[in-house]
Every structure is written in C-alpha cells, then in structure tokens.
Amino acid sequence: MKFQTFDQVVDYAIDREISARLFYLHLAHVSTDPDLCQLLESFADQELQHQKKLARVKQGHFKMLDGDMPVLDLGIADRAPDVEPYPDMSLSEGLVLAMNKEKQAYRMYLQLAEKVDNSELKAIFMGLANEEANHKVRVEIEFDDHLMNSDQPDNEA
C-alpha cells in the first residue's frame, strides 16, 4: 500500500469498509441460520457507520474518534481457525468468520496509522482500529456465550 495523498488513504479505508459491509450483507442474505443472519446484518450496519465516519473525515472533520482507549483482547480470534463462508454455516462458524474479519480490519487500520504522517489522520486510524478491536471482542464474547450455551444439556446444538 503506497499512498500519495490524504484522499487516497481515506478512499482506501472507505473502500475496505464498503467491501466489508457488502460481504456481511451477502453472507446474511445467503445464510440459512436466522440468528447468524441478524448478527451479520448488525455487523454490516457497523461497517456503514465506519464508512460514514471516514466520509466526514474526508470533509475535514477529524475530531471523532479516540484512539488511545485500551481495548480488551480475549484472544479467542487468535486461536480460531480460518473459516470460509457458505450458506449453511453454523452460528459458531459465522462468529469465527466475523472474528477473523474484525481482526483483519484492526490490523489494516494499525498499518494505515503507521503509514501516515498527519497526526490527526493517525489518530483517526487508531480510533478505527480500536473500534474494530472492540467489535472483535464483542464477537468473541458472543462466541464464548454460544459455546457455553451449546454445552448445556437442554440445548440441541
């Protein structure tokens, strides 16, 4: 990734958010699990919010994110296998897929923050990285809860 201008950096980030949103919407559309479908649609909404934030950044509104907030890391995504999407995937598989996607987005924003010289833009990318890390933690918690509930004797998994 080599960027020449501020707009190229922000456009790249916007394109990644659009791609992530479309990915989640497509997977929700083909999913046969209603719980997974609902979860994927909520992730698509989060990606849309990031896209809107970045569009405002492009218009010169820099003070929107705090990139210095500590983020909890449960480490579940680091141990999760890669999962390829398919229509009949289980809720567990969908959660693993989402964890990995959020982890990738987190790393992308960290890399973008390292590549820019503009301190305001660096702070925005760090803020977006933190948001992605928080999304990953949310998915990790849901995954952990799902596994705990699926171990219950009255639940059919």
N, C-alpha and C. Protein backbone atom coordinates (compact mmCIF):
# COMPACT_ATOMS: atom_id res chain seq x y z
N MET A 1 0.85 -1.18 0.00
CA MET A 1 0.00 0.00 0.00
C MET A 1 0.89 1.23 0.00
N LYS A 2 0.85 1.95 -1.08
CA LYS A 2 1.62 3.19 -1.18
C LYS A 2 0.63 4.29 -1.54
N PHE A 3 0.55 5.29 -0.67
CA PHE A 3 -0.40 6.37 -0.88
C PHE A 3 0.35 7.67 -1.12
N GLN A 4 -0.17 8.45 -2.05
CA GLN A 4 0.45 9.73 -2.37
C GLN A 4 -0.28 10.90 -1.72
N THR A 5 -1.58 10.74 -1.47
CA THR A 5 -2.36 11.85 -0.95
C THR A 5 -3.24 11.40 0.22
N PHE A 6 -3.68 12.37 0.97
CA PHE A 6 -4.63 12.15 2.06
C PHE A 6 -5.88 11.46 1.54
N ASP A 7 -6.42 11.96 0.43
CA ASP A 7 -7.65 11.39 -0.14
C ASP A 7 -7.47 9.92 -0.51
N GLN A 8 -6.30 9.54 -1.01
CA GLN A 8 -6.06 8.14 -1.36
C GLN A 8 -6.13 7.24 -0.13
N VAL A 9 -5.58 7.70 0.97
CA VAL A 9 -5.60 6.93 2.20
C VAL A 9 -7.04 6.75 2.68
N VAL A 10 -7.77 7.83 2.75
CA VAL A 10 -9.14 7.77 3.24
C VAL A 10 -10.02 6.99 2.27
N ASP A 11 -9.84 7.19 0.98
CA ASP A 11 -10.62 6.42 -0.01
C ASP A 11 -10.36 4.93 0.12
N TYR A 12 -9.12 4.56 0.38
CA TYR A 12 -8.78 3.14 0.57
C TYR A 12 -9.55 2.59 1.78
N ALA A 13 -9.54 3.32 2.88
CA ALA A 13 -10.24 2.88 4.08
C ALA A 13 -11.75 2.80 3.83
N ILE A 14 -12.30 3.77 3.12
CA ILE A 14 -13.72 3.75 2.79
C ILE A 14 -14.04 2.53 1.93
N ASP A 15 -13.22 2.26 0.93
CA ASP A 15 -13.43 1.08 0.07
C ASP A 15 -13.42 -0.21 0.89
N ARG A 16 -12.52 -0.30 1.86
CA ARG A 16 -12.46 -1.50 2.70
C ARG A 16 -13.72 -1.64 3.54
N GLU A 17 -14.24 -0.52 4.05
CA GLU A 17 -15.48 -0.57 4.83
C GLU A 17 -16.67 -0.97 3.95
N ILE A 18 -16.70 -0.45 2.74
CA ILE A 18 -17.77 -0.82 1.81
C ILE A 18 -17.69 -2.31 1.49
N SER A 19 -16.49 -2.81 1.23
CA SER A 19 -16.31 -4.23 0.93
C SER A 19 -16.73 -5.10 2.11
N ALA A 20 -16.37 -4.70 3.31
CA ALA A 20 -16.75 -5.47 4.50
C ALA A 20 -18.26 -5.47 4.67
N ARG A 21 -18.88 -4.32 4.46
CA ARG A 21 -20.34 -4.24 4.59
C ARG A 21 -21.02 -5.14 3.57
N LEU A 22 -20.58 -5.07 2.32
CA LEU A 22 -21.18 -5.91 1.28
C LEU A 22 -20.95 -7.39 1.57
N PHE A 23 -19.79 -7.72 2.10
CA PHE A 23 -19.51 -9.11 2.47
C PHE A 23 -20.51 -9.60 3.51
N TYR A 24 -20.69 -8.81 4.58
CA TYR A 24 -21.62 -9.21 5.64
C TYR A 24 -23.06 -9.28 5.12
N LEU A 25 -23.46 -8.32 4.29
CA LEU A 25 -24.81 -8.34 3.75
C LEU A 25 -25.04 -9.55 2.85
N HIS A 26 -24.06 -9.87 2.02
CA HIS A 26 -24.19 -11.04 1.15
C HIS A 26 -24.30 -12.32 1.97
N LEU A 27 -23.44 -12.44 2.96
CA LEU A 27 -23.47 -13.64 3.78
C LEU A 27 -24.79 -13.74 4.55
N ALA A 28 -25.30 -12.61 5.03
CA ALA A 28 -26.59 -12.62 5.72
C ALA A 28 -27.70 -13.04 4.76
N HIS A 29 -27.60 -12.61 3.52
CA HIS A 29 -28.62 -12.93 2.52
C HIS A 29 -28.65 -14.42 2.20
N VAL A 30 -27.49 -15.06 2.15
CA VAL A 30 -27.46 -16.48 1.79
C VAL A 30 -27.51 -17.41 3.00
N SER A 31 -27.36 -16.86 4.20
CA SER A 31 -27.35 -17.68 5.41
C SER A 31 -28.72 -18.29 5.65
N THR A 32 -28.71 -19.53 6.12
CA THR A 32 -29.96 -20.20 6.47
C THR A 32 -30.24 -20.15 7.97
N ASP A 33 -29.31 -19.61 8.75
CA ASP A 33 -29.47 -19.50 10.20
C ASP A 33 -29.97 -18.09 10.53
N PRO A 34 -31.20 -17.96 11.04
CA PRO A 34 -31.75 -16.62 11.32
C PRO A 34 -30.94 -15.82 12.34
N ASP A 35 -30.38 -16.49 13.35
CA ASP A 35 -29.56 -15.78 14.34
C ASP A 35 -28.29 -15.24 13.70
N LEU A 36 -27.67 -16.06 12.87
CA LEU A 36 -26.46 -15.62 12.18
C LEU A 36 -26.79 -14.47 11.22
N CYS A 37 -27.90 -14.58 10.52
CA CYS A 37 -28.33 -13.53 9.59
C CYS A 37 -28.47 -12.20 10.32
N GLN A 38 -29.13 -12.21 11.45
CA GLN A 38 -29.32 -10.98 12.23
C GLN A 38 -27.98 -10.41 12.70
N LEU A 39 -27.10 -11.28 13.16
CA LEU A 39 -25.79 -10.85 13.62
C LEU A 39 -24.99 -10.23 12.47
N LEU A 40 -25.00 -10.87 11.32
CA LEU A 40 -24.26 -10.36 10.17
C LEU A 40 -24.80 -9.01 9.71
N GLU A 41 -26.10 -8.84 9.76
CA GLU A 41 -26.69 -7.55 9.40
C GLU A 41 -26.26 -6.46 10.38
N SER A 42 -26.11 -6.81 11.66
CA SER A 42 -25.64 -5.80 12.62
C SER A 42 -24.18 -5.43 12.33
N PHE A 43 -23.38 -6.40 11.90
CA PHE A 43 -22.00 -6.08 11.52
C PHE A 43 -21.97 -5.19 10.29
N ALA A 44 -22.84 -5.45 9.35
CA ALA A 44 -22.92 -4.61 8.15
C ALA A 44 -23.27 -3.17 8.54
N ASP A 45 -24.15 -3.01 9.51
CA ASP A 45 -24.50 -1.66 9.98
C ASP A 45 -23.30 -0.97 10.62
N GLN A 46 -22.48 -1.72 11.36
CA GLN A 46 -21.29 -1.13 11.96
C GLN A 46 -20.31 -0.67 10.89
N GLU A 47 -20.16 -1.46 9.84
CA GLU A 47 -19.27 -1.08 8.75
C GLU A 47 -19.78 0.18 8.05
N LEU A 48 -21.09 0.30 7.91
CA LEU A 48 -21.67 1.51 7.32
C LEU A 48 -21.36 2.73 8.18
N GLN A 49 -21.41 2.57 9.49
CA GLN A 49 -21.08 3.69 10.39
C GLN A 49 -19.61 4.10 10.22
N HIS A 50 -18.73 3.13 10.05
CA HIS A 50 -17.32 3.46 9.80
C HIS A 50 -17.17 4.20 8.48
N GLN A 51 -17.88 3.74 7.47
CA GLN A 51 -17.82 4.40 6.16
C GLN A 51 -18.26 5.85 6.29
N LYS A 52 -19.33 6.10 7.03
CA LYS A 52 -19.82 7.47 7.22
C LYS A 52 -18.81 8.32 7.98
N LYS A 53 -18.18 7.74 9.00
CA LYS A 53 -17.16 8.48 9.75
C LYS A 53 -16.01 8.88 8.84
N LEU A 54 -15.58 7.95 8.02
CA LEU A 54 -14.48 8.24 7.11
C LEU A 54 -14.87 9.28 6.07
N ALA A 55 -16.11 9.26 5.61
CA ALA A 55 -16.57 10.28 4.67
C ALA A 55 -16.52 11.66 5.33
N ARG A 56 -16.86 11.73 6.63
CA ARG A 56 -16.78 13.01 7.34
C ARG A 56 -15.32 13.44 7.51
N VAL A 57 -14.44 12.47 7.73
CA VAL A 57 -13.00 12.77 7.84
C VAL A 57 -12.53 13.39 6.54
N LYS A 58 -12.96 12.83 5.43
CA LYS A 58 -12.55 13.34 4.12
C LYS A 58 -13.01 14.79 3.92
N GLN A 59 -14.11 15.14 4.59
CA GLN A 59 -14.62 16.51 4.51
C GLN A 59 -13.94 17.44 5.52
N GLY A 60 -12.98 16.91 6.28
CA GLY A 60 -12.23 17.76 7.20
C GLY A 60 -12.62 17.66 8.65
N HIS A 61 -13.51 16.75 9.00
CA HIS A 61 -13.94 16.59 10.40
C HIS A 61 -13.09 15.51 11.06
N PHE A 62 -12.06 15.94 11.78
CA PHE A 62 -11.09 14.99 12.32
C PHE A 62 -11.38 14.54 13.75
N LYS A 63 -12.05 15.33 14.53
CA LYS A 63 -12.20 15.03 15.95
C LYS A 63 -13.44 14.15 16.19
N MET A 64 -13.32 12.87 15.86
CA MET A 64 -14.47 11.99 16.03
C MET A 64 -14.16 10.73 16.80
N LEU A 65 -12.92 10.35 16.89
CA LEU A 65 -12.57 9.06 17.47
C LEU A 65 -11.47 9.24 18.49
N ASP A 66 -11.47 8.38 19.47
CA ASP A 66 -10.40 8.36 20.46
C ASP A 66 -9.60 7.09 20.27
N GLY A 67 -8.38 7.22 19.80
CA GLY A 67 -7.55 6.07 19.52
C GLY A 67 -6.70 5.63 20.68
N ASP A 68 -6.84 6.27 21.85
CA ASP A 68 -5.99 5.94 22.99
C ASP A 68 -6.70 5.09 24.03
N MET A 69 -7.92 4.66 23.74
CA MET A 69 -8.65 3.86 24.70
C MET A 69 -8.10 2.43 24.70
N PRO A 70 -7.86 1.87 25.89
CA PRO A 70 -7.39 0.48 25.92
C PRO A 70 -8.51 -0.47 25.48
N VAL A 71 -8.12 -1.54 24.80
CA VAL A 71 -9.09 -2.49 24.28
C VAL A 71 -8.79 -3.85 24.89
N LEU A 72 -9.81 -4.47 25.41
CA LEU A 72 -9.69 -5.82 25.95
C LEU A 72 -9.50 -6.79 24.79
N ASP A 73 -8.65 -7.79 24.98
CA ASP A 73 -8.45 -8.82 23.97
C ASP A 73 -8.59 -10.17 24.63
N LEU A 74 -9.64 -10.90 24.27
CA LEU A 74 -9.86 -12.23 24.85
C LEU A 74 -8.97 -13.29 24.21
N GLY A 75 -8.41 -12.98 23.04
CA GLY A 75 -7.50 -13.90 22.38
C GLY A 75 -8.17 -15.07 21.67
N ILE A 76 -9.48 -15.11 21.67
CA ILE A 76 -10.18 -16.22 21.02
C ILE A 76 -9.94 -16.20 19.52
N ALA A 77 -9.98 -15.02 18.92
CA ALA A 77 -9.78 -14.92 17.48
C ALA A 77 -8.39 -15.38 17.07
N ASP A 78 -7.42 -15.21 17.95
CA ASP A 78 -6.05 -15.63 17.64
C ASP A 78 -5.93 -17.15 17.57
N ARG A 79 -6.82 -17.85 18.25
CA ARG A 79 -6.79 -19.31 18.24
C ARG A 79 -7.82 -19.92 17.29
N ALA A 80 -8.66 -19.08 16.72
CA ALA A 80 -9.74 -19.58 15.86
C ALA A 80 -9.20 -19.95 14.48
N PRO A 81 -9.74 -21.02 13.91
CA PRO A 81 -9.30 -21.42 12.56
C PRO A 81 -9.88 -20.49 11.51
N ASP A 82 -9.28 -20.51 10.33
CA ASP A 82 -9.88 -19.78 9.22
C ASP A 82 -11.14 -20.52 8.78
N VAL A 83 -12.17 -19.74 8.48
CA VAL A 83 -13.44 -20.31 8.05
C VAL A 83 -13.82 -19.66 6.74
N GLU A 84 -14.20 -20.46 5.78
CA GLU A 84 -14.71 -19.95 4.51
C GLU A 84 -16.23 -19.86 4.60
N PRO A 85 -16.81 -18.78 4.08
CA PRO A 85 -18.27 -18.64 4.17
C PRO A 85 -19.00 -19.61 3.24
N TYR A 86 -20.14 -20.09 3.71
CA TYR A 86 -21.04 -20.89 2.88
C TYR A 86 -22.45 -20.75 3.46
N PRO A 87 -23.48 -20.96 2.66
CA PRO A 87 -24.85 -20.65 3.08
C PRO A 87 -25.32 -21.37 4.34
N ASP A 88 -24.96 -22.62 4.55
CA ASP A 88 -25.47 -23.36 5.70
C ASP A 88 -24.52 -23.34 6.90
N MET A 89 -23.64 -22.36 6.94
CA MET A 89 -22.69 -22.32 8.06
C MET A 89 -23.45 -22.12 9.36
N SER A 90 -22.88 -22.67 10.42
CA SER A 90 -23.49 -22.57 11.74
C SER A 90 -23.23 -21.18 12.33
N LEU A 91 -23.93 -20.89 13.40
CA LEU A 91 -23.70 -19.63 14.10
C LEU A 91 -22.25 -19.57 14.60
N SER A 92 -21.75 -20.68 15.11
CA SER A 92 -20.35 -20.72 15.58
C SER A 92 -19.38 -20.39 14.46
N GLU A 93 -19.60 -20.99 13.29
CA GLU A 93 -18.72 -20.72 12.15
C GLU A 93 -18.83 -19.27 11.70
N GLY A 94 -20.04 -18.73 11.71
CA GLY A 94 -20.23 -17.33 11.35
C GLY A 94 -19.54 -16.40 12.32
N LEU A 95 -19.57 -16.74 13.60
CA LEU A 95 -18.89 -15.92 14.60
C LEU A 95 -17.38 -15.98 14.42
N VAL A 96 -16.85 -17.16 14.11
CA VAL A 96 -15.41 -17.28 13.85
C VAL A 96 -15.03 -16.46 12.62
N LEU A 97 -15.84 -16.54 11.58
CA LEU A 97 -15.59 -15.75 10.37
C LEU A 97 -15.57 -14.26 10.70
N ALA A 98 -16.54 -13.81 11.48
CA ALA A 98 -16.62 -12.39 11.85
C ALA A 98 -15.43 -11.98 12.72
N MET A 99 -15.03 -12.84 13.65
CA MET A 99 -13.86 -12.53 14.48
C MET A 99 -12.63 -12.30 13.62
N ASN A 100 -12.42 -13.21 12.68
CA ASN A 100 -11.25 -13.09 11.80
C ASN A 100 -11.33 -11.84 10.94
N LYS A 101 -12.51 -11.51 10.45
CA LYS A 101 -12.70 -10.32 9.62
C LYS A 101 -12.39 -9.05 10.43
N GLU A 102 -12.89 -9.00 11.67
CA GLU A 102 -12.65 -7.83 12.52
C GLU A 102 -11.17 -7.72 12.89
N LYS A 103 -10.52 -8.86 13.10
CA LYS A 103 -9.09 -8.85 13.40
C LYS A 103 -8.31 -8.30 12.21
N GLN A 104 -8.69 -8.69 11.00
CA GLN A 104 -8.03 -8.17 9.80
C GLN A 104 -8.23 -6.66 9.67
N ALA A 105 -9.45 -6.20 9.95
CA ALA A 105 -9.72 -4.76 9.86
C ALA A 105 -8.91 -4.00 10.90
N TYR A 106 -8.81 -4.55 12.10
CA TYR A 106 -8.00 -3.94 13.15
C TYR A 106 -6.55 -3.76 12.68
N ARG A 107 -6.00 -4.82 12.13
CA ARG A 107 -4.61 -4.76 11.66
C ARG A 107 -4.45 -3.78 10.51
N MET A 108 -5.44 -3.72 9.62
CA MET A 108 -5.36 -2.79 8.50
C MET A 108 -5.28 -1.34 9.00
N TYR A 109 -6.13 -0.99 9.98
CA TYR A 109 -6.12 0.38 10.49
C TYR A 109 -4.83 0.69 11.25
N LEU A 110 -4.27 -0.30 11.95
CA LEU A 110 -2.97 -0.08 12.59
C LEU A 110 -1.91 0.21 11.53
N GLN A 111 -1.92 -0.55 10.44
CA GLN A 111 -0.95 -0.34 9.36
C GLN A 111 -1.13 1.04 8.73
N LEU A 112 -2.38 1.44 8.51
CA LEU A 112 -2.62 2.76 7.94
C LEU A 112 -2.13 3.85 8.89
N ALA A 113 -2.35 3.67 10.18
CA ALA A 113 -1.89 4.66 11.16
C ALA A 113 -0.37 4.79 11.12
N GLU A 114 0.31 3.67 10.90
CA GLU A 114 1.78 3.71 10.83
C GLU A 114 2.28 4.40 9.56
N LYS A 115 1.49 4.39 8.50
CA LYS A 115 1.95 4.89 7.20
C LYS A 115 1.71 6.38 6.99
N VAL A 116 0.87 7.00 7.82
CA VAL A 116 0.55 8.41 7.59
C VAL A 116 1.38 9.30 8.51
N ASP A 117 1.68 10.50 8.00
CA ASP A 117 2.43 11.48 8.78
C ASP A 117 1.51 12.44 9.51
N ASN A 118 0.30 12.63 8.99
CA ASN A 118 -0.66 13.55 9.58
C ASN A 118 -1.13 13.01 10.92
N SER A 119 -0.88 13.75 12.02
CA SER A 119 -1.21 13.26 13.35
C SER A 119 -2.71 13.11 13.56
N GLU A 120 -3.50 13.98 12.95
CA GLU A 120 -4.95 13.86 13.09
C GLU A 120 -5.46 12.60 12.38
N LEU A 121 -4.94 12.34 11.19
CA LEU A 121 -5.35 11.15 10.45
C LEU A 121 -4.86 9.89 11.18
N LYS A 122 -3.66 9.95 11.74
CA LYS A 122 -3.13 8.83 12.51
C LYS A 122 -4.07 8.52 13.68
N ALA A 123 -4.54 9.55 14.36
CA ALA A 123 -5.45 9.36 15.50
C ALA A 123 -6.77 8.76 15.04
N ILE A 124 -7.25 9.17 13.87
CA ILE A 124 -8.49 8.61 13.34
C ILE A 124 -8.33 7.13 13.05
N PHE A 125 -7.22 6.76 12.41
CA PHE A 125 -7.00 5.35 12.11
C PHE A 125 -6.81 4.53 13.39
N MET A 126 -6.17 5.10 14.39
CA MET A 126 -6.04 4.39 15.66
C MET A 126 -7.41 4.23 16.32
N GLY A 127 -8.25 5.26 16.20
CA GLY A 127 -9.61 5.16 16.72
C GLY A 127 -10.41 4.09 16.02
N LEU A 128 -10.29 4.03 14.69
CA LEU A 128 -10.98 2.98 13.93
C LEU A 128 -10.42 1.60 14.28
N ALA A 129 -9.12 1.51 14.49
CA ALA A 129 -8.53 0.24 14.91
C ALA A 129 -9.13 -0.19 16.24
N ASN A 130 -9.28 0.75 17.16
CA ASN A 130 -9.89 0.42 18.45
C ASN A 130 -11.33 -0.02 18.29
N GLU A 131 -12.07 0.64 17.41
CA GLU A 131 -13.45 0.22 17.18
C GLU A 131 -13.50 -1.20 16.64
N GLU A 132 -12.62 -1.51 15.69
CA GLU A 132 -12.59 -2.87 15.13
C GLU A 132 -12.20 -3.88 16.21
N ALA A 133 -11.25 -3.51 17.06
CA ALA A 133 -10.85 -4.41 18.15
C ALA A 133 -12.02 -4.63 19.11
N ASN A 134 -12.78 -3.58 19.37
CA ASN A 134 -13.96 -3.73 20.23
C ASN A 134 -15.01 -4.61 19.56
N HIS A 135 -15.17 -4.48 18.26
CA HIS A 135 -16.10 -5.36 17.54
C HIS A 135 -15.65 -6.82 17.68
N LYS A 136 -14.34 -7.03 17.53
CA LYS A 136 -13.80 -8.39 17.65
C LYS A 136 -14.09 -8.95 19.04
N VAL A 137 -13.89 -8.14 20.07
CA VAL A 137 -14.16 -8.60 21.43
C VAL A 137 -15.64 -8.92 21.60
N ARG A 138 -16.50 -8.09 21.03
CA ARG A 138 -17.95 -8.36 21.10
C ARG A 138 -18.26 -9.72 20.48
N VAL A 139 -17.66 -10.01 19.34
CA VAL A 139 -17.89 -11.28 18.67
C VAL A 139 -17.30 -12.43 19.50
N GLU A 140 -16.12 -12.20 20.06
CA GLU A 140 -15.51 -13.23 20.90
C GLU A 140 -16.41 -13.57 22.09
N ILE A 141 -17.00 -12.56 22.70
CA ILE A 141 -17.90 -12.78 23.83
C ILE A 141 -19.13 -13.56 23.38
N GLU A 142 -19.71 -13.17 22.24
CA GLU A 142 -20.86 -13.90 21.72
C GLU A 142 -20.50 -15.35 21.39
N PHE A 143 -19.30 -15.55 20.83
CA PHE A 143 -18.83 -16.90 20.51
C PHE A 143 -18.70 -17.71 21.79
N ASP A 144 -18.07 -17.14 22.80
CA ASP A 144 -17.89 -17.83 24.08
C ASP A 144 -19.24 -18.15 24.70
N ASP A 145 -20.17 -17.19 24.70
CA ASP A 145 -21.52 -17.42 25.23
C ASP A 145 -22.22 -18.53 24.46
N HIS A 146 -22.08 -18.50 23.14
CA HIS A 146 -22.72 -19.52 22.30
C HIS A 146 -22.17 -20.91 22.63
N LEU A 147 -20.85 -21.02 22.80
CA LEU A 147 -20.26 -22.31 23.14
C LEU A 147 -20.72 -22.77 24.52
N MET A 148 -20.80 -21.85 25.47
CA MET A 148 -21.25 -22.21 26.81
C MET A 148 -22.70 -22.68 26.78
N ASN A 149 -23.53 -21.99 26.01
CA ASN A 149 -24.94 -22.37 25.93
C ASN A 149 -25.14 -23.67 25.16
N SER A 150 -24.28 -23.93 24.18
CA SER A 150 -24.44 -25.15 23.40
C SER A 150 -23.98 -26.37 24.19
N ASP A 151 -23.23 -26.15 25.28
CA ASP A 151 -22.80 -27.26 26.14
C ASP A 151 -23.87 -27.66 27.15
N GLN A 152 -24.91 -26.84 27.27
CA GLN A 152 -25.98 -27.14 28.21
C GLN A 152 -26.76 -28.37 27.75
N PRO A 153 -27.14 -29.25 28.67
CA PRO A 153 -27.83 -30.48 28.26
C PRO A 153 -29.19 -30.26 27.60
N ASP A 154 -29.92 -29.17 27.96
CA ASP A 154 -31.23 -28.98 27.34
C ASP A 154 -31.15 -28.33 25.98
N ASN A 155 -29.98 -27.88 25.57
CA ASN A 155 -29.84 -27.23 24.25
C ASN A 155 -29.43 -28.23 23.22
N GLU A 156 -30.10 -28.20 22.12
CA GLU A 156 -29.69 -29.00 20.95
C GLU A 156 -28.72 -28.18 20.15
N ALA A 157 -27.52 -28.63 19.96
CA ALA A 157 -26.52 -27.85 19.21
C ALA A 157 -26.33 -28.42 17.84
